[in-house]
Amino acid sequence: MQWNGSDNVFIGSGEELTRAETSGKYAALFNDKTGELKALKTGGINLEVEANGMTKEQTIVIE
């Protein structure tokens, strides 16, 4: 399974996720190990997942 997202969403886990949260660069964090999405700022993000040759993209509005 491969996750991708817009520039304003960080995808990852561990120490990188912790650094991304404090960087102020992202509207949201997606932990690709747990599937948890955490909103940090208002705005819109896109998440995309590819698995078994299929791709699904979702736009999410954070209010």
N, C-alpha and C. Protein backbone atom coordinates (compact mmCIF):
# COMPACT_ATOMS: atom_id res chain seq x y z
N MET A 1 0.85 -1.17 0.00
CA MET A 1 0.00 0.00 0.00
C MET A 1 0.90 1.23 0.00
N GLN A 2 0.62 2.17 -0.90
CA GLN A 2 1.40 3.39 -1.03
C GLN A 2 0.50 4.60 -0.81
N TRP A 3 0.88 5.47 0.13
CA TRP A 3 0.13 6.69 0.43
C TRP A 3 0.83 7.90 -0.15
N ASN A 4 0.05 8.82 -0.70
CA ASN A 4 0.56 10.10 -1.19
C ASN A 4 -0.43 11.18 -0.75
N GLY A 5 0.04 12.41 -0.76
CA GLY A 5 -0.85 13.50 -0.37
C GLY A 5 -0.40 14.83 -0.93
N SER A 6 -1.24 15.83 -0.73
CA SER A 6 -0.90 17.18 -1.15
C SER A 6 0.28 17.68 -0.32
N ASP A 7 0.87 18.79 -0.76
CA ASP A 7 2.07 19.32 -0.10
C ASP A 7 1.83 19.73 1.35
N ASN A 8 0.57 19.99 1.71
CA ASN A 8 0.27 20.46 3.07
C ASN A 8 -0.13 19.34 4.03
N VAL A 9 0.07 18.10 3.63
CA VAL A 9 -0.16 16.97 4.53
C VAL A 9 1.11 16.13 4.60
N PHE A 10 1.54 15.83 5.82
CA PHE A 10 2.71 14.99 6.02
C PHE A 10 2.25 13.55 6.16
N ILE A 11 2.92 12.65 5.46
CA ILE A 11 2.63 11.22 5.55
C ILE A 11 3.87 10.52 6.05
N GLY A 12 3.75 9.85 7.18
CA GLY A 12 4.88 9.14 7.76
C GLY A 12 4.58 8.74 9.18
N SER A 13 5.62 8.36 9.91
CA SER A 13 5.45 7.91 11.30
C SER A 13 6.73 8.15 12.08
N GLY A 14 6.67 7.83 13.35
CA GLY A 14 7.86 7.90 14.20
C GLY A 14 8.36 9.31 14.44
N GLU A 15 9.67 9.45 14.51
CA GLU A 15 10.30 10.74 14.80
C GLU A 15 10.02 11.76 13.70
N GLU A 16 9.94 11.31 12.46
CA GLU A 16 9.64 12.22 11.35
C GLU A 16 8.27 12.87 11.54
N LEU A 17 7.30 12.09 11.99
CA LEU A 17 5.95 12.60 12.25
C LEU A 17 5.98 13.64 13.36
N THR A 18 6.74 13.38 14.40
CA THR A 18 6.87 14.32 15.52
C THR A 18 7.50 15.63 15.05
N ARG A 19 8.54 15.55 14.24
CA ARG A 19 9.18 16.76 13.71
C ARG A 19 8.23 17.53 12.80
N ALA A 20 7.48 16.82 11.99
CA ALA A 20 6.53 17.47 11.07
C ALA A 20 5.46 18.23 11.85
N GLU A 21 5.02 17.67 12.97
CA GLU A 21 3.98 18.32 13.77
C GLU A 21 4.46 19.65 14.33
N THR A 22 5.71 19.74 14.72
CA THR A 22 6.23 20.97 15.30
C THR A 22 6.78 21.95 14.27
N SER A 23 6.84 21.54 13.01
CA SER A 23 7.43 22.39 11.96
C SER A 23 6.54 23.56 11.56
N GLY A 24 5.23 23.43 11.73
CA GLY A 24 4.32 24.47 11.30
C GLY A 24 4.06 24.50 9.81
N LYS A 25 4.55 23.51 9.07
CA LYS A 25 4.43 23.49 7.61
C LYS A 25 3.17 22.80 7.10
N TYR A 26 2.50 22.03 7.95
CA TYR A 26 1.45 21.14 7.47
C TYR A 26 0.09 21.46 8.08
N ALA A 27 -0.96 21.24 7.27
CA ALA A 27 -2.33 21.38 7.74
C ALA A 27 -2.79 20.11 8.45
N ALA A 28 -2.16 18.98 8.10
CA ALA A 28 -2.55 17.70 8.70
C ALA A 28 -1.38 16.72 8.66
N LEU A 29 -1.47 15.74 9.53
CA LEU A 29 -0.50 14.64 9.57
C LEU A 29 -1.25 13.34 9.37
N PHE A 30 -0.70 12.46 8.54
CA PHE A 30 -1.28 11.14 8.36
C PHE A 30 -0.24 10.10 8.75
N ASN A 31 -0.54 9.32 9.78
CA ASN A 31 0.36 8.27 10.23
C ASN A 31 0.06 7.04 9.38
N ASP A 32 0.97 6.72 8.47
CA ASP A 32 0.73 5.61 7.56
C ASP A 32 0.85 4.24 8.23
N LYS A 33 1.34 4.18 9.44
CA LYS A 33 1.41 2.91 10.18
C LYS A 33 0.10 2.61 10.91
N THR A 34 -0.56 3.66 11.45
CA THR A 34 -1.78 3.47 12.23
C THR A 34 -3.05 3.88 11.50
N GLY A 35 -2.91 4.66 10.42
CA GLY A 35 -4.08 5.15 9.69
C GLY A 35 -4.71 6.38 10.32
N GLU A 36 -4.06 6.97 11.33
CA GLU A 36 -4.61 8.14 12.02
C GLU A 36 -4.32 9.41 11.24
N LEU A 37 -5.35 10.23 11.05
CA LEU A 37 -5.24 11.54 10.43
C LEU A 37 -5.44 12.58 11.51
N LYS A 38 -4.50 13.50 11.67
CA LYS A 38 -4.57 14.53 12.69
C LYS A 38 -4.57 15.90 12.03
N ALA A 39 -5.63 16.68 12.26
CA ALA A 39 -5.74 18.03 11.72
C ALA A 39 -4.94 19.00 12.57
N LEU A 40 -4.19 19.89 11.91
CA LEU A 40 -3.40 20.89 12.62
C LEU A 40 -3.85 22.31 12.30
N LYS A 41 -4.35 22.55 11.08
CA LYS A 41 -4.77 23.87 10.63
C LYS A 41 -6.01 23.72 9.75
N THR A 42 -6.75 24.80 9.59
CA THR A 42 -7.87 24.76 8.65
C THR A 42 -7.33 24.76 7.22
N GLY A 43 -8.14 24.22 6.33
CA GLY A 43 -7.76 24.18 4.92
C GLY A 43 -8.18 22.87 4.30
N GLY A 44 -7.77 22.67 3.07
CA GLY A 44 -8.07 21.43 2.36
C GLY A 44 -6.82 20.63 2.11
N ILE A 45 -6.96 19.31 2.17
CA ILE A 45 -5.85 18.40 1.87
C ILE A 45 -6.35 17.31 0.93
N ASN A 46 -5.44 16.65 0.28
CA ASN A 46 -5.76 15.48 -0.54
C ASN A 46 -4.94 14.31 -0.04
N LEU A 47 -5.57 13.16 0.06
CA LEU A 47 -4.89 11.91 0.36
C LEU A 47 -5.17 10.94 -0.76
N GLU A 48 -4.16 10.17 -1.11
CA GLU A 48 -4.30 9.17 -2.17
C GLU A 48 -3.66 7.88 -1.70
N VAL A 49 -4.32 6.77 -1.96
CA VAL A 49 -3.77 5.46 -1.63
C VAL A 49 -3.79 4.60 -2.88
N GLU A 50 -2.70 3.85 -3.05
CA GLU A 50 -2.62 2.91 -4.16
C GLU A 50 -2.35 1.52 -3.60
N ALA A 51 -3.18 0.57 -4.01
CA ALA A 51 -3.02 -0.81 -3.56
C ALA A 51 -3.62 -1.74 -4.60
N ASN A 52 -2.98 -2.85 -4.84
CA ASN A 52 -3.47 -3.86 -5.78
C ASN A 52 -3.81 -3.28 -7.14
N GLY A 53 -3.01 -2.33 -7.61
CA GLY A 53 -3.22 -1.74 -8.91
C GLY A 53 -4.35 -0.74 -9.01
N MET A 54 -4.96 -0.41 -7.89
CA MET A 54 -6.05 0.56 -7.87
C MET A 54 -5.64 1.78 -7.06
N THR A 55 -6.16 2.96 -7.43
CA THR A 55 -5.85 4.21 -6.75
C THR A 55 -7.15 4.88 -6.34
N LYS A 56 -7.18 5.41 -5.14
CA LYS A 56 -8.33 6.17 -4.64
C LYS A 56 -7.81 7.46 -4.04
N GLU A 57 -8.39 8.59 -4.44
CA GLU A 57 -8.01 9.90 -3.92
C GLU A 57 -9.20 10.52 -3.22
N GLN A 58 -8.92 11.21 -2.11
CA GLN A 58 -9.98 11.86 -1.33
C GLN A 58 -9.53 13.27 -0.96
N THR A 59 -10.41 14.24 -1.19
CA THR A 59 -10.19 15.60 -0.74
C THR A 59 -10.88 15.77 0.60
N ILE A 60 -10.18 16.34 1.57
CA ILE A 60 -10.71 16.52 2.92
C ILE A 60 -10.61 17.99 3.27
N VAL A 61 -11.70 18.57 3.76
CA VAL A 61 -11.72 19.97 4.19
C VAL A 61 -11.64 19.99 5.71
N ILE A 62 -10.65 20.70 6.23
CA ILE A 62 -10.47 20.84 7.69
C ILE A 62 -11.01 22.20 8.09
N GLU A 63 -12.01 22.20 8.95
CA GLU A 63 -12.63 23.45 9.38
C GLU A 63 -12.27 23.77 10.82
